[in-house]
Amino acid sequence: MEFSDLYVRAKSVVNPRKLSELAEAGGVGAAILAANGEVYTGVCIDTADSMGFCAEHAAAAAMITAGQSLVLKLIAVNWDGKILPPCGRCREFISQLHPENPNAQVMVDEDTVVTLRELLPYLWHSTI
């Protein structure tokens, strides 16, 4: 699967909306291509007390729920279609879900794909 296909899947779940006076969701969408060939998507949830989570976390949770943990490709996009690199928390989180996830390809800009390892060059758990 090409990143252009993953982009379409991530963009398709973006739906910014206010959930309550304290929470908003859907401003960012993410898509993960897992080793089983399935694509898992998710959206961000932003809360007033910072207990929300990123779209990449939601997509990873859907993947784990389906019994998968090996990420092949990852992309996230915001409401206007701009590709966003994963934040540090998402990078670390996904790197710990499977020993091969540091090799996952991550689209960080329209013409730039890097590995998760390149985004986390000094993994603290690389020697475990």
N, C-alpha and C. Protein backbone atom coordinates (compact mmCIF):
# COMPACT_ATOMS: atom_id res chain seq x y z
N MET A 1 0.85 -1.19 0.00
CA MET A 1 0.00 0.00 0.00
C MET A 1 0.88 1.24 0.00
N GLU A 2 0.51 2.19 -0.82
CA GLU A 2 1.26 3.44 -0.95
C GLU A 2 0.82 4.44 0.12
N PHE A 3 1.72 5.40 0.41
CA PHE A 3 1.36 6.44 1.36
C PHE A 3 0.19 7.28 0.87
N SER A 4 0.04 7.41 -0.44
CA SER A 4 -1.11 8.17 -0.95
C SER A 4 -2.43 7.52 -0.53
N ASP A 5 -2.46 6.18 -0.48
CA ASP A 5 -3.65 5.47 -0.02
C ASP A 5 -3.87 5.69 1.48
N LEU A 6 -2.79 5.63 2.24
CA LEU A 6 -2.89 5.86 3.69
C LEU A 6 -3.32 7.30 3.98
N TYR A 7 -2.84 8.24 3.17
CA TYR A 7 -3.23 9.64 3.33
C TYR A 7 -4.75 9.77 3.20
N VAL A 8 -5.31 9.15 2.17
CA VAL A 8 -6.76 9.21 1.95
C VAL A 8 -7.50 8.61 3.14
N ARG A 9 -7.00 7.51 3.67
CA ARG A 9 -7.66 6.86 4.82
C ARG A 9 -7.59 7.75 6.06
N ALA A 10 -6.43 8.35 6.31
CA ALA A 10 -6.28 9.23 7.48
C ALA A 10 -7.17 10.46 7.32
N LYS A 11 -7.18 11.06 6.16
CA LYS A 11 -7.99 12.26 5.92
C LYS A 11 -9.48 11.96 6.02
N SER A 12 -9.87 10.73 5.68
CA SER A 12 -11.30 10.39 5.70
C SER A 12 -11.90 10.36 7.09
N VAL A 13 -11.09 10.22 8.13
CA VAL A 13 -11.63 10.18 9.49
C VAL A 13 -11.57 11.54 10.19
N VAL A 14 -10.90 12.51 9.56
CA VAL A 14 -10.83 13.85 10.14
C VAL A 14 -12.23 14.48 10.10
N ASN A 15 -12.68 14.91 11.27
CA ASN A 15 -14.00 15.51 11.40
C ASN A 15 -13.99 16.35 12.68
N PRO A 16 -13.39 17.54 12.63
CA PRO A 16 -13.30 18.37 13.83
C PRO A 16 -14.67 18.69 14.40
N ARG A 17 -14.79 18.47 15.70
CA ARG A 17 -16.07 18.76 16.35
C ARG A 17 -15.87 18.94 17.85
N LYS A 18 -16.79 19.70 18.43
CA LYS A 18 -16.80 19.93 19.87
C LYS A 18 -17.65 18.84 20.50
N LEU A 19 -17.08 18.13 21.45
CA LEU A 19 -17.82 17.07 22.14
C LEU A 19 -18.56 17.61 23.34
N SER A 20 -17.95 18.56 24.02
CA SER A 20 -18.53 19.17 25.21
C SER A 20 -17.80 20.49 25.45
N GLU A 21 -18.12 21.15 26.54
CA GLU A 21 -17.40 22.37 26.89
C GLU A 21 -15.93 22.08 27.20
N LEU A 22 -15.62 20.82 27.48
CA LEU A 22 -14.28 20.45 27.90
C LEU A 22 -13.52 19.58 26.91
N ALA A 23 -14.13 19.20 25.81
CA ALA A 23 -13.46 18.27 24.90
C ALA A 23 -13.81 18.53 23.44
N GLU A 24 -12.81 18.34 22.59
CA GLU A 24 -12.96 18.40 21.14
C GLU A 24 -12.32 17.16 20.55
N ALA A 25 -12.70 16.80 19.34
CA ALA A 25 -12.14 15.60 18.71
C ALA A 25 -12.09 15.77 17.21
N GLY A 26 -11.29 14.94 16.58
CA GLY A 26 -11.30 14.79 15.14
C GLY A 26 -10.52 15.79 14.33
N GLY A 27 -9.73 16.65 14.94
CA GLY A 27 -8.94 17.62 14.20
C GLY A 27 -7.76 17.02 13.48
N VAL A 28 -7.33 15.86 13.92
CA VAL A 28 -6.23 15.12 13.28
C VAL A 28 -6.68 13.69 13.11
N GLY A 29 -6.35 13.11 11.97
CA GLY A 29 -6.62 11.70 11.70
C GLY A 29 -5.32 10.99 11.40
N ALA A 30 -5.23 9.72 11.76
CA ALA A 30 -4.03 8.93 11.50
C ALA A 30 -4.42 7.60 10.90
N ALA A 31 -3.50 7.04 10.12
CA ALA A 31 -3.69 5.72 9.55
C ALA A 31 -2.40 4.92 9.72
N ILE A 32 -2.56 3.69 10.17
CA ILE A 32 -1.45 2.76 10.35
C ILE A 32 -1.67 1.56 9.46
N LEU A 33 -0.66 1.22 8.68
CA LEU A 33 -0.67 -0.03 7.93
C LEU A 33 0.06 -1.06 8.79
N ALA A 34 -0.66 -2.09 9.19
CA ALA A 34 -0.08 -3.14 10.03
C ALA A 34 0.44 -4.28 9.16
N ALA A 35 1.20 -5.17 9.78
CA ALA A 35 1.82 -6.28 9.07
C ALA A 35 0.81 -7.23 8.43
N ASN A 36 -0.40 -7.25 8.94
CA ASN A 36 -1.43 -8.12 8.36
C ASN A 36 -2.07 -7.52 7.10
N GLY A 37 -1.61 -6.33 6.71
CA GLY A 37 -2.14 -5.68 5.51
C GLY A 37 -3.35 -4.81 5.76
N GLU A 38 -3.85 -4.81 6.99
CA GLU A 38 -5.01 -3.99 7.33
C GLU A 38 -4.57 -2.57 7.71
N VAL A 39 -5.48 -1.63 7.49
CA VAL A 39 -5.24 -0.23 7.87
C VAL A 39 -6.13 0.09 9.06
N TYR A 40 -5.53 0.67 10.07
CA TYR A 40 -6.25 1.06 11.28
C TYR A 40 -6.18 2.58 11.39
N THR A 41 -7.33 3.20 11.68
CA THR A 41 -7.39 4.66 11.74
C THR A 41 -7.82 5.12 13.13
N GLY A 42 -7.56 6.38 13.39
CA GLY A 42 -7.98 6.97 14.65
C GLY A 42 -7.94 8.47 14.55
N VAL A 43 -8.60 9.14 15.49
CA VAL A 43 -8.61 10.60 15.57
C VAL A 43 -8.14 11.04 16.95
N CYS A 44 -7.71 12.29 17.01
CA CYS A 44 -7.30 12.85 18.29
C CYS A 44 -8.52 13.22 19.12
N ILE A 45 -8.33 13.22 20.43
CA ILE A 45 -9.32 13.76 21.36
C ILE A 45 -8.58 14.71 22.28
N ASP A 46 -8.99 15.97 22.27
CA ASP A 46 -8.35 17.00 23.08
C ASP A 46 -9.27 17.39 24.22
N THR A 47 -8.75 17.32 25.45
CA THR A 47 -9.56 17.67 26.62
C THR A 47 -8.92 18.84 27.37
N ALA A 48 -9.73 19.52 28.14
CA ALA A 48 -9.28 20.70 28.87
C ALA A 48 -8.18 20.39 29.88
N ASP A 49 -8.17 19.18 30.40
CA ASP A 49 -7.16 18.83 31.41
C ASP A 49 -6.01 18.02 30.85
N SER A 50 -5.84 18.03 29.53
CA SER A 50 -4.73 17.35 28.85
C SER A 50 -4.75 15.83 28.98
N MET A 51 -5.90 15.25 29.25
CA MET A 51 -6.00 13.79 29.35
C MET A 51 -6.38 13.16 28.01
N GLY A 52 -6.47 13.95 26.96
CA GLY A 52 -6.80 13.42 25.65
C GLY A 52 -5.64 12.63 25.08
N PHE A 53 -5.77 12.30 23.80
CA PHE A 53 -4.68 11.56 23.14
C PHE A 53 -4.67 11.86 21.66
N CYS A 54 -3.55 11.53 21.05
CA CYS A 54 -3.32 11.81 19.63
C CYS A 54 -4.01 10.78 18.74
N ALA A 55 -4.17 11.16 17.48
CA ALA A 55 -4.76 10.28 16.48
C ALA A 55 -3.92 9.01 16.30
N GLU A 56 -2.61 9.13 16.40
CA GLU A 56 -1.74 7.96 16.26
C GLU A 56 -1.99 6.96 17.39
N HIS A 57 -2.25 7.47 18.60
CA HIS A 57 -2.58 6.59 19.72
C HIS A 57 -3.89 5.85 19.45
N ALA A 58 -4.87 6.58 18.95
CA ALA A 58 -6.17 5.96 18.67
C ALA A 58 -6.04 4.89 17.59
N ALA A 59 -5.27 5.17 16.54
CA ALA A 59 -5.07 4.18 15.47
C ALA A 59 -4.32 2.96 16.00
N ALA A 60 -3.32 3.20 16.84
CA ALA A 60 -2.57 2.09 17.44
C ALA A 60 -3.47 1.26 18.35
N ALA A 61 -4.35 1.90 19.08
CA ALA A 61 -5.28 1.16 19.95
C ALA A 61 -6.21 0.28 19.12
N ALA A 62 -6.69 0.80 17.98
CA ALA A 62 -7.53 -0.02 17.10
C ALA A 62 -6.75 -1.21 16.57
N MET A 63 -5.49 -0.99 16.24
CA MET A 63 -4.63 -2.07 15.75
C MET A 63 -4.43 -3.14 16.83
N ILE A 64 -4.13 -2.71 18.03
CA ILE A 64 -3.92 -3.65 19.14
C ILE A 64 -5.22 -4.40 19.44
N THR A 65 -6.35 -3.71 19.39
CA THR A 65 -7.64 -4.35 19.61
C THR A 65 -7.87 -5.47 18.60
N ALA A 66 -7.38 -5.28 17.39
CA ALA A 66 -7.53 -6.28 16.33
C ALA A 66 -6.48 -7.38 16.41
N GLY A 67 -5.62 -7.33 17.42
CA GLY A 67 -4.62 -8.39 17.60
C GLY A 67 -3.31 -8.17 16.88
N GLN A 68 -3.08 -6.95 16.40
CA GLN A 68 -1.85 -6.64 15.68
C GLN A 68 -0.98 -5.70 16.50
N SER A 69 0.34 -5.70 16.22
CA SER A 69 1.22 -4.75 16.91
C SER A 69 2.38 -4.27 16.04
N LEU A 70 2.62 -4.92 14.91
CA LEU A 70 3.72 -4.53 14.03
C LEU A 70 3.25 -3.49 13.01
N VAL A 71 3.83 -2.29 13.10
CA VAL A 71 3.50 -1.18 12.22
C VAL A 71 4.45 -1.17 11.03
N LEU A 72 3.89 -1.14 9.82
CA LEU A 72 4.71 -1.01 8.62
C LEU A 72 4.82 0.44 8.17
N LYS A 73 3.68 1.16 8.20
CA LYS A 73 3.64 2.56 7.77
C LYS A 73 2.68 3.34 8.65
N LEU A 74 2.98 4.64 8.78
CA LEU A 74 2.17 5.52 9.63
C LEU A 74 2.11 6.90 8.99
N ILE A 75 0.92 7.50 9.04
CA ILE A 75 0.74 8.88 8.58
C ILE A 75 -0.34 9.54 9.43
N ALA A 76 -0.18 10.85 9.64
CA ALA A 76 -1.20 11.65 10.33
C ALA A 76 -1.42 12.94 9.55
N VAL A 77 -2.67 13.40 9.50
CA VAL A 77 -3.00 14.64 8.79
C VAL A 77 -3.97 15.48 9.63
N ASN A 78 -3.87 16.79 9.45
CA ASN A 78 -4.81 17.65 10.18
C ASN A 78 -5.98 18.04 9.30
N TRP A 79 -6.85 18.92 9.80
CA TRP A 79 -8.11 19.26 9.14
C TRP A 79 -7.93 19.85 7.74
N ASP A 80 -6.79 20.49 7.48
CA ASP A 80 -6.61 21.07 6.15
C ASP A 80 -5.77 20.18 5.24
N GLY A 81 -5.53 18.95 5.68
CA GLY A 81 -4.81 17.98 4.85
C GLY A 81 -3.30 18.00 5.00
N LYS A 82 -2.79 18.86 5.88
CA LYS A 82 -1.34 18.92 6.09
C LYS A 82 -0.86 17.67 6.83
N ILE A 83 0.20 17.08 6.32
CA ILE A 83 0.81 15.91 6.96
C ILE A 83 1.56 16.38 8.19
N LEU A 84 1.37 15.67 9.30
CA LEU A 84 2.02 16.02 10.56
C LEU A 84 2.94 14.89 11.02
N PRO A 85 4.17 15.20 11.43
CA PRO A 85 4.99 14.16 12.03
C PRO A 85 4.43 13.82 13.41
N PRO A 86 4.60 12.57 13.86
CA PRO A 86 4.10 12.21 15.19
C PRO A 86 4.86 12.95 16.28
N CYS A 87 4.17 13.27 17.34
CA CYS A 87 4.82 13.92 18.48
C CYS A 87 5.75 12.92 19.18
N GLY A 88 6.54 13.38 20.08
CA GLY A 88 7.48 12.51 20.79
C GLY A 88 6.79 11.40 21.56
N ARG A 89 5.66 11.71 22.17
CA ARG A 89 4.93 10.69 22.93
C ARG A 89 4.46 9.57 22.01
N CYS A 90 3.95 9.92 20.83
CA CYS A 90 3.50 8.90 19.87
C CYS A 90 4.66 8.08 19.34
N ARG A 91 5.77 8.74 19.07
CA ARG A 91 6.96 8.04 18.58
C ARG A 91 7.38 6.97 19.58
N GLU A 92 7.50 7.38 20.83
CA GLU A 92 7.93 6.46 21.89
C GLU A 92 6.91 5.34 22.08
N PHE A 93 5.65 5.70 22.14
CA PHE A 93 4.57 4.73 22.36
C PHE A 93 4.59 3.64 21.29
N ILE A 94 4.60 4.04 20.04
CA ILE A 94 4.55 3.06 18.95
C ILE A 94 5.83 2.23 18.90
N SER A 95 6.96 2.84 19.24
CA SER A 95 8.22 2.08 19.21
C SER A 95 8.22 0.93 20.21
N GLN A 96 7.42 1.03 21.26
CA GLN A 96 7.41 0.00 22.29
C GLN A 96 6.40 -1.12 22.04
N LEU A 97 5.54 -0.99 21.05
CA LEU A 97 4.48 -1.98 20.83
C LEU A 97 4.97 -3.26 20.15
N HIS A 98 6.08 -3.18 19.44
CA HIS A 98 6.65 -4.35 18.76
C HIS A 98 8.14 -4.07 18.56
N PRO A 99 9.01 -5.09 18.72
CA PRO A 99 10.45 -4.85 18.59
C PRO A 99 10.88 -4.35 17.21
N GLU A 100 10.08 -4.58 16.19
CA GLU A 100 10.43 -4.14 14.84
C GLU A 100 9.82 -2.78 14.47
N ASN A 101 9.01 -2.21 15.35
CA ASN A 101 8.37 -0.94 15.02
C ASN A 101 9.34 0.22 14.78
N PRO A 102 10.53 0.23 15.36
CA PRO A 102 11.46 1.31 14.98
C PRO A 102 11.79 1.33 13.48
N ASN A 103 11.52 0.24 12.78
CA ASN A 103 11.76 0.20 11.34
C ASN A 103 10.55 0.67 10.53
N ALA A 104 9.46 1.01 11.19
CA ALA A 104 8.25 1.48 10.49
C ALA A 104 8.56 2.74 9.69
N GLN A 105 7.95 2.84 8.52
CA GLN A 105 8.08 4.03 7.70
C GLN A 105 7.04 5.05 8.14
N VAL A 106 7.49 6.29 8.32
CA VAL A 106 6.61 7.35 8.79
C VAL A 106 6.70 8.52 7.81
N MET A 107 5.56 8.92 7.26
CA MET A 107 5.55 10.10 6.40
C MET A 107 5.45 11.32 7.29
N VAL A 108 6.45 12.20 7.21
CA VAL A 108 6.50 13.37 8.07
C VAL A 108 6.25 14.67 7.33
N ASP A 109 6.24 14.61 6.01
CA ASP A 109 5.95 15.75 5.15
C ASP A 109 5.57 15.20 3.79
N GLU A 110 5.07 16.05 2.94
CA GLU A 110 4.55 15.61 1.65
C GLU A 110 5.53 14.74 0.86
N ASP A 111 6.81 15.07 0.90
CA ASP A 111 7.81 14.34 0.14
C ASP A 111 8.86 13.67 1.01
N THR A 112 8.55 13.46 2.28
CA THR A 112 9.57 12.93 3.19
C THR A 112 9.03 11.75 3.99
N VAL A 113 9.70 10.62 3.84
CA VAL A 113 9.39 9.41 4.61
C VAL A 113 10.67 9.00 5.33
N VAL A 114 10.57 8.79 6.63
CA VAL A 114 11.70 8.35 7.43
C VAL A 114 11.25 7.15 8.27
N THR A 115 12.21 6.50 8.88
CA THR A 115 11.84 5.42 9.80
C THR A 115 11.58 6.00 11.18
N LEU A 116 10.84 5.27 11.96
CA LEU A 116 10.60 5.68 13.34
C LEU A 116 11.93 5.77 14.09
N ARG A 117 12.86 4.87 13.77
CA ARG A 117 14.18 4.91 14.41
C ARG A 117 14.89 6.24 14.12
N GLU A 118 14.71 6.78 12.91
CA GLU A 118 15.32 8.07 12.59
C GLU A 118 14.71 9.19 13.42
N LEU A 119 13.46 9.04 13.79
CA LEU A 119 12.81 10.03 14.64
C LEU A 119 13.18 9.84 16.11
N LEU A 120 13.68 8.67 16.46
CA LEU A 120 14.11 8.34 17.82
C LEU A 120 15.49 7.68 17.76
N PRO A 121 16.52 8.45 17.42
CA PRO A 121 17.83 7.83 17.16
C PRO A 121 18.50 7.17 18.37
N TYR A 122 18.14 7.56 19.55
CA TYR A 122 18.78 7.00 20.74
C TYR A 122 17.74 6.33 21.64
N LEU A 123 17.11 5.29 21.10
CA LEU A 123 16.09 4.57 21.86
C LEU A 123 16.65 4.03 23.16
N TRP A 124 16.00 4.35 24.24
CA TRP A 124 16.46 3.84 25.54
C TRP A 124 16.26 2.34 25.65
N HIS A 125 15.32 1.79 24.91
CA HIS A 125 15.03 0.35 25.02
C HIS A 125 15.67 -0.47 23.90
N SER A 126 16.58 0.12 23.11
CA SER A 126 17.20 -0.61 22.01
C SER A 126 18.18 -1.68 22.48
N THR A 127 18.58 -1.62 23.73
CA THR A 127 19.53 -2.61 24.22
C THR A 127 18.88 -3.65 25.14
N ILE A 128 17.56 -3.54 25.32
CA ILE A 128 16.86 -4.48 26.20
C ILE A 128 16.67 -5.80 25.48
